[in-house]
């Protein structure tokens, strides 16, 4: 999404901004999101779903889609609206209507922008600078159409106000590493749209947040449940067979004992 302001005002740091007194009663409205296309909306929603699921057991990670970021206290026009943002050390809340840097004490750590014809040029020329000014650590761009960028996926690491492109790993087919997320990222065409695929480098597991992936996970779970039930039934059958064999041996032993001659008595 395009920012409200192209030129950012001077901004020292989130901490310094947080010390400034609130200049009167200032309202910070919630943002409105309209997907630029079906593909654009699907790409944003799938990436958000994937990361929410991945970080589902961590209460200190905020994964938010199209949440307005206010970066200057008292100035509601000083705002950005990333398609997707991830913030570590900040609690997720379904009631959150905006993200105010001076209240949280930090900028988003990871930001993803999904390109559209109306924003692709602005994102390429200005967004890295805008996000670096407010303290974002990584800025990523995805091209859902496959025609708006030179490559379908780009990542930038930001340090001390300087951004450097993330280079593809050698021999990994265009896979990029997000140090912030601790995940590998790549793009993939699905149903005519380029979507973001995340890879856990420790396990090699890939996930993209699609309904198809969720259905596959559900089917795999069902298969594991059925396999466990089958194993349980096999164990139960083996136990029954073992009990039957034990009873047969005991019966045979009694039979053999019954035909033995009585022990001889002494004189």
C-alpha atoms as a PDB file:
ATOM      1  CA  UNK A   1       0.000   0.000   0.000  1.00  0.00           C
ATOM      2  CA  UNK A   2       1.273   3.511  -0.703  1.00  0.00           C
ATOM      3  CA  UNK A   3       2.206   5.674   2.220  1.00  0.00           C
ATOM      4  CA  UNK A   4       0.342   8.879   3.006  1.00  0.00           C
ATOM      5  CA  UNK A   5       3.542  10.896   2.944  1.00  0.00           C
ATOM      6  CA  UNK A   6       6.413  10.422   0.525  1.00  0.00           C
ATOM      7  CA  UNK A   7       8.839  12.626   2.438  1.00  0.00           C
ATOM      8  CA  UNK A   8       9.448  11.606   5.993  1.00  0.00           C
ATOM      9  CA  UNK A   9      10.008  14.209   8.701  1.00  0.00           C
ATOM     10  CA  UNK A  10      13.200  14.053  10.705  1.00  0.00           C
ATOM     11  CA  UNK A  11      13.077  11.042  12.968  1.00  0.00           C
ATOM     12  CA  UNK A  12      15.801  10.275  15.471  1.00  0.00           C
ATOM     13  CA  UNK A  13      14.666   7.036  17.085  1.00  0.00           C
ATOM     14  CA  UNK A  14      11.500   5.420  18.473  1.00  0.00           C
ATOM     15  CA  UNK A  15      12.754   5.988  21.987  1.00  0.00           C
ATOM     16  CA  UNK A  16      13.365   9.688  21.473  1.00  0.00           C
ATOM     17  CA  UNK A  17       9.964  10.138  19.879  1.00  0.00           C
ATOM     18  CA  UNK A  18       8.304   8.350  22.786  1.00  0.00           C
ATOM     19  CA  UNK A  19       9.632  10.979  25.224  1.00  0.00           C
ATOM     20  CA  UNK A  20       7.817  13.832  23.500  1.00  0.00           C
ATOM     21  CA  UNK A  21       4.570  14.963  25.155  1.00  0.00           C
ATOM     22  CA  UNK A  22       1.325  14.280  23.350  1.00  0.00           C
ATOM     23  CA  UNK A  23       0.374  17.538  21.546  1.00  0.00           C
ATOM     24  CA  UNK A  24      -3.277  17.691  22.541  1.00  0.00           C
ATOM     25  CA  UNK A  25      -5.865  15.106  21.721  1.00  0.00           C
ATOM     26  CA  UNK A  26      -4.785  13.363  18.518  1.00  0.00           C
ATOM     27  CA  UNK A  27      -6.775  10.519  16.995  1.00  0.00           C
ATOM     28  CA  UNK A  28      -4.982   7.782  15.079  1.00  0.00           C
ATOM     29  CA  UNK A  29      -7.572   6.196  12.773  1.00  0.00           C
ATOM     30  CA  UNK A  30      -7.520   2.555  11.795  1.00  0.00           C
ATOM     31  CA  UNK A  31      -6.559   1.767   8.239  1.00  0.00           C
ATOM     32  CA  UNK A  32      -8.712   0.398   5.439  1.00  0.00           C
ATOM     33  CA  UNK A  33      -7.416  -2.201   3.020  1.00  0.00           C
ATOM     34  CA  UNK A  34      -8.627  -2.884  -0.490  1.00  0.00           C
ATOM     35  CA  UNK A  35      -6.765  -5.605  -2.347  1.00  0.00           C
ATOM     36  CA  UNK A  36      -5.474  -4.385  -5.713  1.00  0.00           C
ATOM     37  CA  UNK A  37      -6.419  -7.708  -7.317  1.00  0.00           C
ATOM     38  CA  UNK A  38      -7.445 -11.229  -6.384  1.00  0.00           C
ATOM     39  CA  UNK A  39      -3.838 -12.354  -6.735  1.00  0.00           C
ATOM     40  CA  UNK A  40      -2.575  -9.482  -4.598  1.00  0.00           C
ATOM     41  CA  UNK A  41      -5.053 -10.273  -1.834  1.00  0.00           C
ATOM     42  CA  UNK A  42      -4.319 -13.997  -1.932  1.00  0.00           C
ATOM     43  CA  UNK A  43      -0.566 -13.434  -1.714  1.00  0.00           C
ATOM     44  CA  UNK A  44      -0.910 -11.136   1.319  1.00  0.00           C
ATOM     45  CA  UNK A  45      -3.384 -13.390   3.130  1.00  0.00           C
ATOM     46  CA  UNK A  46      -1.425 -16.576   2.498  1.00  0.00           C
ATOM     47  CA  UNK A  47       1.839 -15.087   3.787  1.00  0.00           C
ATOM     48  CA  UNK A  48       0.063 -13.741   6.867  1.00  0.00           C
ATOM     49  CA  UNK A  49      -1.630 -17.089   7.551  1.00  0.00           C
ATOM     50  CA  UNK A  50       1.648 -18.958   7.139  1.00  0.00           C
ATOM     51  CA  UNK A  51       3.570 -16.798   9.618  1.00  0.00           C
ATOM     52  CA  UNK A  52       0.733 -16.676  12.152  1.00  0.00           C
ATOM     53  CA  UNK A  53       0.647 -20.447  12.104  1.00  0.00           C
ATOM     54  CA  UNK A  54       4.433 -20.712  12.374  1.00  0.00           C
ATOM     55  CA  UNK A  55       4.601 -18.375  15.394  1.00  0.00           C
ATOM     56  CA  UNK A  56       1.312 -19.589  16.911  1.00  0.00           C
ATOM     57  CA  UNK A  57       2.956 -20.785  20.147  1.00  0.00           C
ATOM     58  CA  UNK A  58       4.773 -17.506  20.789  1.00  0.00           C
ATOM     59  CA  UNK A  59       2.741 -14.836  22.551  1.00  0.00           C
ATOM     60  CA  UNK A  60       5.490 -12.247  22.031  1.00  0.00           C
ATOM     61  CA  UNK A  61       5.283 -12.129  18.231  1.00  0.00           C
ATOM     62  CA  UNK A  62       2.877  -9.827  16.405  1.00  0.00           C
ATOM     63  CA  UNK A  63       2.007 -10.895  12.859  1.00  0.00           C
ATOM     64  CA  UNK A  64      -0.342  -8.361  11.281  1.00  0.00           C
ATOM     65  CA  UNK A  65      -1.804  -7.755   7.829  1.00  0.00           C
ATOM     66  CA  UNK A  66      -2.395  -4.195   6.600  1.00  0.00           C
ATOM     67  CA  UNK A  67      -2.003  -2.636  10.054  1.00  0.00           C
ATOM     68  CA  UNK A  68      -1.305   1.105  10.032  1.00  0.00           C
ATOM     69  CA  UNK A  69       2.065   2.061  11.518  1.00  0.00           C
ATOM     70  CA  UNK A  70       2.247   5.552  13.053  1.00  0.00           C
ATOM     71  CA  UNK A  71       5.860   6.636  13.507  1.00  0.00           C
ATOM     72  CA  UNK A  72       5.617  10.236  14.785  1.00  0.00           C
ATOM     73  CA  UNK A  73       3.697  11.066  17.927  1.00  0.00           C
ATOM     74  CA  UNK A  74       1.096  13.762  17.387  1.00  0.00           C
ATOM     75  CA  UNK A  75       1.159  13.487  13.598  1.00  0.00           C
ATOM     76  CA  UNK A  76      -1.452  11.094  12.288  1.00  0.00           C
ATOM     77  CA  UNK A  77      -0.323  11.733   8.708  1.00  0.00           C
ATOM     78  CA  UNK A  78       3.064  10.202   9.504  1.00  0.00           C
ATOM     79  CA  UNK A  79       1.955   6.682   8.717  1.00  0.00           C
ATOM     80  CA  UNK A  80       2.826   3.611   6.669  1.00  0.00           C
ATOM     81  CA  UNK A  81       0.675   0.574   5.955  1.00  0.00           C
ATOM     82  CA  UNK A  82       2.735  -2.550   5.197  1.00  0.00           C
ATOM     83  CA  UNK A  83       0.935  -5.433   3.582  1.00  0.00           C
ATOM     84  CA  UNK A  84       2.449  -7.661   6.265  1.00  0.00           C
ATOM     85  CA  UNK A  85       4.562  -6.924   9.325  1.00  0.00           C
ATOM     86  CA  UNK A  86       6.167  -9.058  12.017  1.00  0.00           C
ATOM     87  CA  UNK A  87       7.270  -7.600  15.347  1.00  0.00           C
ATOM     88  CA  UNK A  88       9.159  -9.563  17.984  1.00  0.00           C
ATOM     89  CA  UNK A  89       8.706  -8.710  21.645  1.00  0.00           C
ATOM     90  CA  UNK A  90       5.209  -7.283  21.106  1.00  0.00           C
ATOM     91  CA  UNK A  91       2.084  -9.156  22.157  1.00  0.00           C
ATOM     92  CA  UNK A  92      -0.481 -10.075  19.534  1.00  0.00           C
ATOM     93  CA  UNK A  93      -3.961  -8.677  20.109  1.00  0.00           C
ATOM     94  CA  UNK A  94      -6.986  -9.109  17.864  1.00  0.00           C
ATOM     95  CA  UNK A  95      -8.295  -5.727  19.095  1.00  0.00           C
ATOM     96  CA  UNK A  96      -5.246  -3.782  17.915  1.00  0.00           C
ATOM     97  CA  UNK A  97      -6.317  -1.073  15.452  1.00  0.00           C
ATOM     98  CA  UNK A  98      -2.912   0.452  14.711  1.00  0.00           C
ATOM     99  CA  UNK A  99       0.759   0.179  15.615  1.00  0.00           C
ATOM    100  CA  UNK A 100       2.339   3.226  17.271  1.00  0.00           C
ATOM    101  CA  UNK A 101       6.113   3.076  17.441  1.00  0.00           C
ATOM    102  CA  UNK A 102       6.438   5.424  20.415  1.00  0.00           C
ATOM    103  CA  UNK A 103       4.126   3.220  22.495  1.00  0.00           C
ATOM    104  CA  UNK A 104       5.744  -0.098  21.586  1.00  0.00           C
ATOM    105  CA  UNK A 105       9.295   1.257  21.713  1.00  0.00           C
ATOM    106  CA  UNK A 106      10.360  -0.227  18.367  1.00  0.00           C
ATOM    107  CA  UNK A 107       9.535  -0.405  14.683  1.00  0.00           C
ATOM    108  CA  UNK A 108       8.383  -3.597  12.960  1.00  0.00           C
ATOM    109  CA  UNK A 109      11.212  -6.093  12.461  1.00  0.00           C
ATOM    110  CA  UNK A 110      10.030  -7.622   9.189  1.00  0.00           C
ATOM    111  CA  UNK A 111       7.913  -5.972   6.507  1.00  0.00           C
ATOM    112  CA  UNK A 112       6.503  -7.428   3.287  1.00  0.00           C
ATOM    113  CA  UNK A 113       5.022  -5.399   0.447  1.00  0.00           C
ATOM    114  CA  UNK A 114       3.134  -7.197  -2.329  1.00  0.00           C
ATOM    115  CA  UNK A 115       3.499  -5.202  -5.528  1.00  0.00           C
ATOM    116  CA  UNK A 116       0.636  -3.903  -7.615  1.00  0.00           C
ATOM    117  CA  UNK A 117       0.678  -1.781 -10.805  1.00  0.00           C
ATOM    118  CA  UNK A 118      -0.154   1.346  -8.806  1.00  0.00           C
ATOM    119  CA  UNK A 119       2.501   0.848  -6.109  1.00  0.00           C
ATOM    120  CA  UNK A 120       5.354  -1.134  -7.686  1.00  0.00           C
ATOM    121  CA  UNK A 121       7.431   1.877  -8.743  1.00  0.00           C
ATOM    122  CA  UNK A 122       6.860   3.712  -5.446  1.00  0.00           C
ATOM    123  CA  UNK A 123       7.753   0.599  -3.453  1.00  0.00           C
ATOM    124  CA  UNK A 124      10.992   0.147  -5.396  1.00  0.00           C
ATOM    125  CA  UNK A 125      12.174   3.756  -5.147  1.00  0.00           C
ATOM    126  CA  UNK A 126      10.972   4.901  -1.747  1.00  0.00           C
ATOM    127  CA  UNK A 127       9.942   2.124   0.593  1.00  0.00           C
ATOM    128  CA  UNK A 128      13.404   0.885   1.556  1.00  0.00           C
ATOM    129  CA  UNK A 129      14.316   4.456   2.506  1.00  0.00           C
ATOM    130  CA  UNK A 130      11.068   5.002   4.412  1.00  0.00           C
ATOM    131  CA  UNK A 131      11.322   1.774   6.366  1.00  0.00           C
ATOM    132  CA  UNK A 132      15.009   2.307   7.142  1.00  0.00           C
ATOM    133  CA  UNK A 133      14.188   5.741   8.570  1.00  0.00           C
ATOM    134  CA  UNK A 134      11.746   4.305  11.114  1.00  0.00           C
ATOM    135  CA  UNK A 135      13.978   1.373  12.135  1.00  0.00           C
ATOM    136  CA  UNK A 136      12.629  -1.644  10.201  1.00  0.00           C
ATOM    137  CA  UNK A 137      15.252  -4.416  10.052  1.00  0.00           C
ATOM    138  CA  UNK A 138      14.136  -6.240   6.895  1.00  0.00           C
ATOM    139  CA  UNK A 139      12.034  -5.109   3.955  1.00  0.00           C
ATOM    140  CA  UNK A 140      10.742  -7.632   1.392  1.00  0.00           C
ATOM    141  CA  UNK A 141       8.915  -7.260  -1.936  1.00  0.00           C
ATOM    142  CA  UNK A 142       6.843  -9.891  -3.769  1.00  0.00           C
ATOM    143  CA  UNK A 143       5.499  -9.643  -7.307  1.00  0.00           C
ATOM    144  CA  UNK A 144       2.195 -11.583  -7.511  1.00  0.00           C
ATOM    145  CA  UNK A 145       1.741 -10.858 -11.226  1.00  0.00           C
ATOM    146  CA  UNK A 146       5.273 -11.848 -12.209  1.00  0.00           C
ATOM    147  CA  UNK A 147       5.602  -8.796 -14.488  1.00  0.00           C
ATOM    148  CA  UNK A 148       6.073  -5.856 -12.121  1.00  0.00           C
ATOM    149  CA  UNK A 149       9.596  -6.527 -10.805  1.00  0.00           C
ATOM    150  CA  UNK A 150      12.858  -7.799 -12.239  1.00  0.00           C
ATOM    151  CA  UNK A 151      12.665 -10.819  -9.944  1.00  0.00           C
ATOM    152  CA  UNK A 152       9.531 -12.207  -8.243  1.00  0.00           C
ATOM    153  CA  UNK A 153      11.025 -11.835  -4.742  1.00  0.00           C
ATOM    154  CA  UNK A 154      13.423  -9.291  -3.283  1.00  0.00           C
ATOM    155  CA  UNK A 155      14.697  -8.844   0.252  1.00  0.00           C
ATOM    156  CA  UNK A 156      16.650  -6.010   1.865  1.00  0.00           C
ATOM    157  CA  UNK A 157      18.516  -6.019   5.161  1.00  0.00           C
ATOM    158  CA  UNK A 158      18.611  -2.618   6.812  1.00  0.00           C
ATOM    159  CA  UNK A 159      21.393  -1.630   9.196  1.00  0.00           C
ATOM    160  CA  UNK A 160      22.283   1.858  10.427  1.00  0.00           C
ATOM    161  CA  UNK A 161      20.006   3.386   7.803  1.00  0.00           C
ATOM    162  CA  UNK A 162      21.649   1.505   4.946  1.00  0.00           C
ATOM    163  CA  UNK A 163      19.851  -1.234   2.996  1.00  0.00           C
ATOM    164  CA  UNK A 164      21.582  -4.156   1.333  1.00  0.00           C
ATOM    165  CA  UNK A 165      19.834  -6.683  -0.939  1.00  0.00           C
ATOM    166  CA  UNK A 166      19.598 -10.250   0.302  1.00  0.00           C
ATOM    167  CA  UNK A 167      21.587 -12.454  -2.059  1.00  0.00           C
ATOM    168  CA  UNK A 168      20.279 -15.882  -3.149  1.00  0.00           C
ATOM    169  CA  UNK A 169      22.004 -18.823  -1.532  1.00  0.00           C
ATOM    170  CA  UNK A 170      24.346 -20.628  -3.924  1.00  0.00           C
ATOM    171  CA  UNK A 171      22.783 -23.726  -5.420  1.00  0.00           C
ATOM    172  CA  UNK A 172      19.426 -23.152  -3.708  1.00  0.00           C
ATOM    173  CA  UNK A 173      17.375 -22.083  -6.740  1.00  0.00           C
ATOM    174  CA  UNK A 174      16.689 -18.486  -5.715  1.00  0.00           C
ATOM    175  CA  UNK A 175      16.059 -19.213  -2.029  1.00  0.00           C
ATOM    176  CA  UNK A 176      16.692 -16.194   0.218  1.00  0.00           C
ATOM    177  CA  UNK A 177      17.412 -16.221   3.956  1.00  0.00           C
ATOM    178  CA  UNK A 178      15.551 -13.948   6.372  1.00  0.00           C
ATOM    179  CA  UNK A 179      17.797 -13.533   9.383  1.00  0.00           C
ATOM    180  CA  UNK A 180      15.006 -11.781  11.249  1.00  0.00           C
ATOM    181  CA  UNK A 181      12.505 -14.613  10.829  1.00  0.00           C
ATOM    182  CA  UNK A 182      15.086 -17.388  10.887  1.00  0.00           C
ATOM    183  CA  UNK A 183      13.432 -18.809   7.750  1.00  0.00           C
ATOM    184  CA  UNK A 184      14.294 -19.281   4.093  1.00  0.00           C
ATOM    185  CA  UNK A 185      11.980 -17.639   1.557  1.00  0.00           C
ATOM    186  CA  UNK A 186      11.230 -18.365  -2.070  1.00  0.00           C
ATOM    187  CA  UNK A 187       8.479 -17.537  -4.549  1.00  0.00           C
ATOM    188  CA  UNK A 188       6.179 -19.983  -6.293  1.00  0.00           C
ATOM    189  CA  UNK A 189       3.464 -19.720  -8.913  1.00  0.00           C
ATOM    190  CA  UNK A 190       0.106 -21.047  -7.728  1.00  0.00           C
ATOM    191  CA  UNK A 191      -3.076 -20.728  -9.784  1.00  0.00           C
ATOM    192  CA  UNK A 192      -1.627 -17.861 -11.809  1.00  0.00           C
ATOM    193  CA  UNK A 193      -0.311 -15.922  -8.801  1.00  0.00           C
ATOM    194  CA  UNK A 194       3.163 -15.678  -7.308  1.00  0.00           C
ATOM    195  CA  UNK A 195       3.013 -16.450  -3.583  1.00  0.00           C
ATOM    196  CA  UNK A 196       5.589 -16.567  -0.826  1.00  0.00           C
ATOM    197  CA  UNK A 197       6.808 -19.941   0.428  1.00  0.00           C
ATOM    198  CA  UNK A 198       8.596 -20.218   3.777  1.00  0.00           C
ATOM    199  CA  UNK A 199      11.115 -22.947   4.575  1.00  0.00           C
ATOM    200  CA  UNK A 200      12.262 -24.034   8.023  1.00  0.00           C
ATOM    201  CA  UNK A 201      16.042 -24.451   7.528  1.00  0.00           C
ATOM    202  CA  UNK A 202      16.278 -26.912  10.421  1.00  0.00           C
ATOM    203  CA  UNK A 203      13.664 -29.368   9.138  1.00  0.00           C
ATOM    204  CA  UNK A 204      13.329 -28.464   5.464  1.00  0.00           C
ATOM    205  CA  UNK A 205       9.552 -28.141   5.947  1.00  0.00           C
ATOM    206  CA  UNK A 206       7.877 -25.769   3.481  1.00  0.00           C
ATOM    207  CA  UNK A 207       4.652 -23.870   4.170  1.00  0.00           C
ATOM    208  CA  UNK A 208       2.786 -21.104   2.369  1.00  0.00           C
ATOM    209  CA  UNK A 209      -0.491 -20.618   4.243  1.00  0.00           C
ATOM    210  CA  UNK A 210      -2.676 -21.839   1.372  1.00  0.00           C
ATOM    211  CA  UNK A 211      -5.901 -23.745   1.922  1.00  0.00           C
ATOM    212  CA  UNK A 212      -4.381 -26.578  -0.060  1.00  0.00           C
ATOM    213  CA  UNK A 213      -1.499 -26.788   2.404  1.00  0.00           C
ATOM    214  CA  UNK A 214      -3.902 -26.705   5.338  1.00  0.00           C
ATOM    215  CA  UNK A 215      -5.925 -29.483   3.745  1.00  0.00           C
ATOM    216  CA  UNK A 216      -2.759 -31.529   3.206  1.00  0.00           C
ATOM    217  CA  UNK A 217      -1.844 -31.073   6.863  1.00  0.00           C
ATOM    218  CA  UNK A 218      -5.348 -32.182   7.849  1.00  0.00           C
ATOM    219  CA  UNK A 219      -5.141 -35.256   5.649  1.00  0.00           C
ATOM    220  CA  UNK A 220      -1.705 -36.148   6.988  1.00  0.00           C
ATOM    221  CA  UNK A 221      -3.020 -35.829  10.535  1.00  0.00           C
ATOM    222  CA  UNK A 222      -5.977 -38.044   9.701  1.00  0.00           C
ATOM    223  CA  UNK A 223      -3.634 -40.604   8.171  1.00  0.00           C
ATOM    224  CA  UNK A 224      -1.482 -40.602  11.302  1.00  0.00           C
ATOM    225  CA  UNK A 225      -4.582 -41.072  13.469  1.00  0.00           C
ATOM    226  CA  UNK A 226      -5.741 -43.968  11.298  1.00  0.00           C
ATOM    227  CA  UNK A 227      -2.266 -45.527  11.379  1.00  0.00           C
ATOM    228  CA  UNK A 228      -2.141 -45.203  15.175  1.00  0.00           C
ATOM    229  CA  UNK A 229      -5.582 -46.808  15.475  1.00  0.00           C
ATOM    230  CA  UNK A 230      -4.487 -49.638  13.187  1.00  0.00           C
ATOM    231  CA  UNK A 231      -1.350 -50.161  15.274  1.00  0.00           C
ATOM    232  CA  UNK A 232      -3.524 -50.252  18.391  1.00  0.00           C
ATOM    233  CA  UNK A 233      -5.807 -52.862  16.856  1.00  0.00           C
ATOM    234  CA  UNK A 234      -2.818 -54.974  15.777  1.00  0.00           C
ATOM    235  CA  UNK A 235      -1.378 -54.814  19.281  1.00  0.00           C
ATOM    236  CA  UNK A 236      -4.764 -55.777  20.727  1.00  0.00           C
ATOM    237  CA  UNK A 237      -4.986 -58.744  18.324  1.00  0.00           C
ATOM    238  CA  UNK A 238      -1.470 -59.846  19.213  1.00  0.00           C
ATOM    239  CA  UNK A 239      -2.332 -59.672  22.906  1.00  0.00           C
ATOM    240  CA  UNK A 240      -5.408 -61.846  22.325  1.00  0.00           C
ATOM    241  CA  UNK A 241      -3.364 -64.352  20.354  1.00  0.00           C
ATOM    242  CA  UNK A 242      -0.686 -64.422  23.040  1.00  0.00           C
ATOM    243  CA  UNK A 243      -3.348 -65.024  25.704  1.00  0.00           C
ATOM    244  CA  UNK A 244      -4.858 -67.850  23.658  1.00  0.00           C
ATOM    245  CA  UNK A 245      -1.434 -69.475  23.255  1.00  0.00           C
ATOM    246  CA  UNK A 246      -0.775 -69.159  26.983  1.00  0.00           C
ATOM    247  CA  UNK A 247      -4.126 -70.783  27.777  1.00  0.00           C
ATOM    248  CA  UNK A 248      -3.420 -73.609  25.309  1.00  0.00           C
ATOM    249  CA  UNK A 249      -0.014 -74.255  26.855  1.00  0.00           C
ATOM    250  CA  UNK A 250      -1.483 -74.240  30.331  1.00  0.00           C
ATOM    251  CA  UNK A 251      -4.183 -76.704  29.258  1.00  0.00           C
ATOM    252  CA  UNK A 252      -1.598 -78.989  27.682  1.00  0.00           C
ATOM    253  CA  UNK A 253       0.557 -78.822  30.784  1.00  0.00           C
ATOM    254  CA  UNK A 254      -2.395 -79.863  32.966  1.00  0.00           C
ATOM    255  CA  UNK A 255      -3.122 -82.711  30.578  1.00  0.00           C
ATOM    256  CA  UNK A 256       0.439 -83.994  30.713  1.00  0.00           C
ATOM    257  CA  UNK A 257       0.516 -83.703  34.494  1.00  0.00           C
ATOM    258  CA  UNK A 258      -2.719 -85.700  34.837  1.00  0.00           C
ATOM    259  CA  UNK A 259      -1.223 -88.770  33.028  1.00  0.00           C
ATOM    260  CA  UNK A 260       2.000 -88.882  34.991  1.00  0.00           C
ATOM    261  CA  UNK A 261       2.237 -91.965  37.372  1.00  0.00           C
ATOM    262  CA  UNK A 262       2.049 -91.204  41.054  1.00  0.00           C
ATOM    263  CA  UNK A 263       5.414 -91.035  42.792  1.00  0.00           C
ATOM    264  CA  UNK A 264       6.575 -94.321  44.380  1.00  0.00           C
ATOM    265  CA  UNK A 265       6.350 -94.555  48.154  1.00  0.00           C
ATOM    266  CA  UNK A 266       9.259 -95.842  50.168  1.00  0.00           C
ATOM    267  CA  UNK A 267       9.204 -99.138  52.231  1.00  0.00           C
END
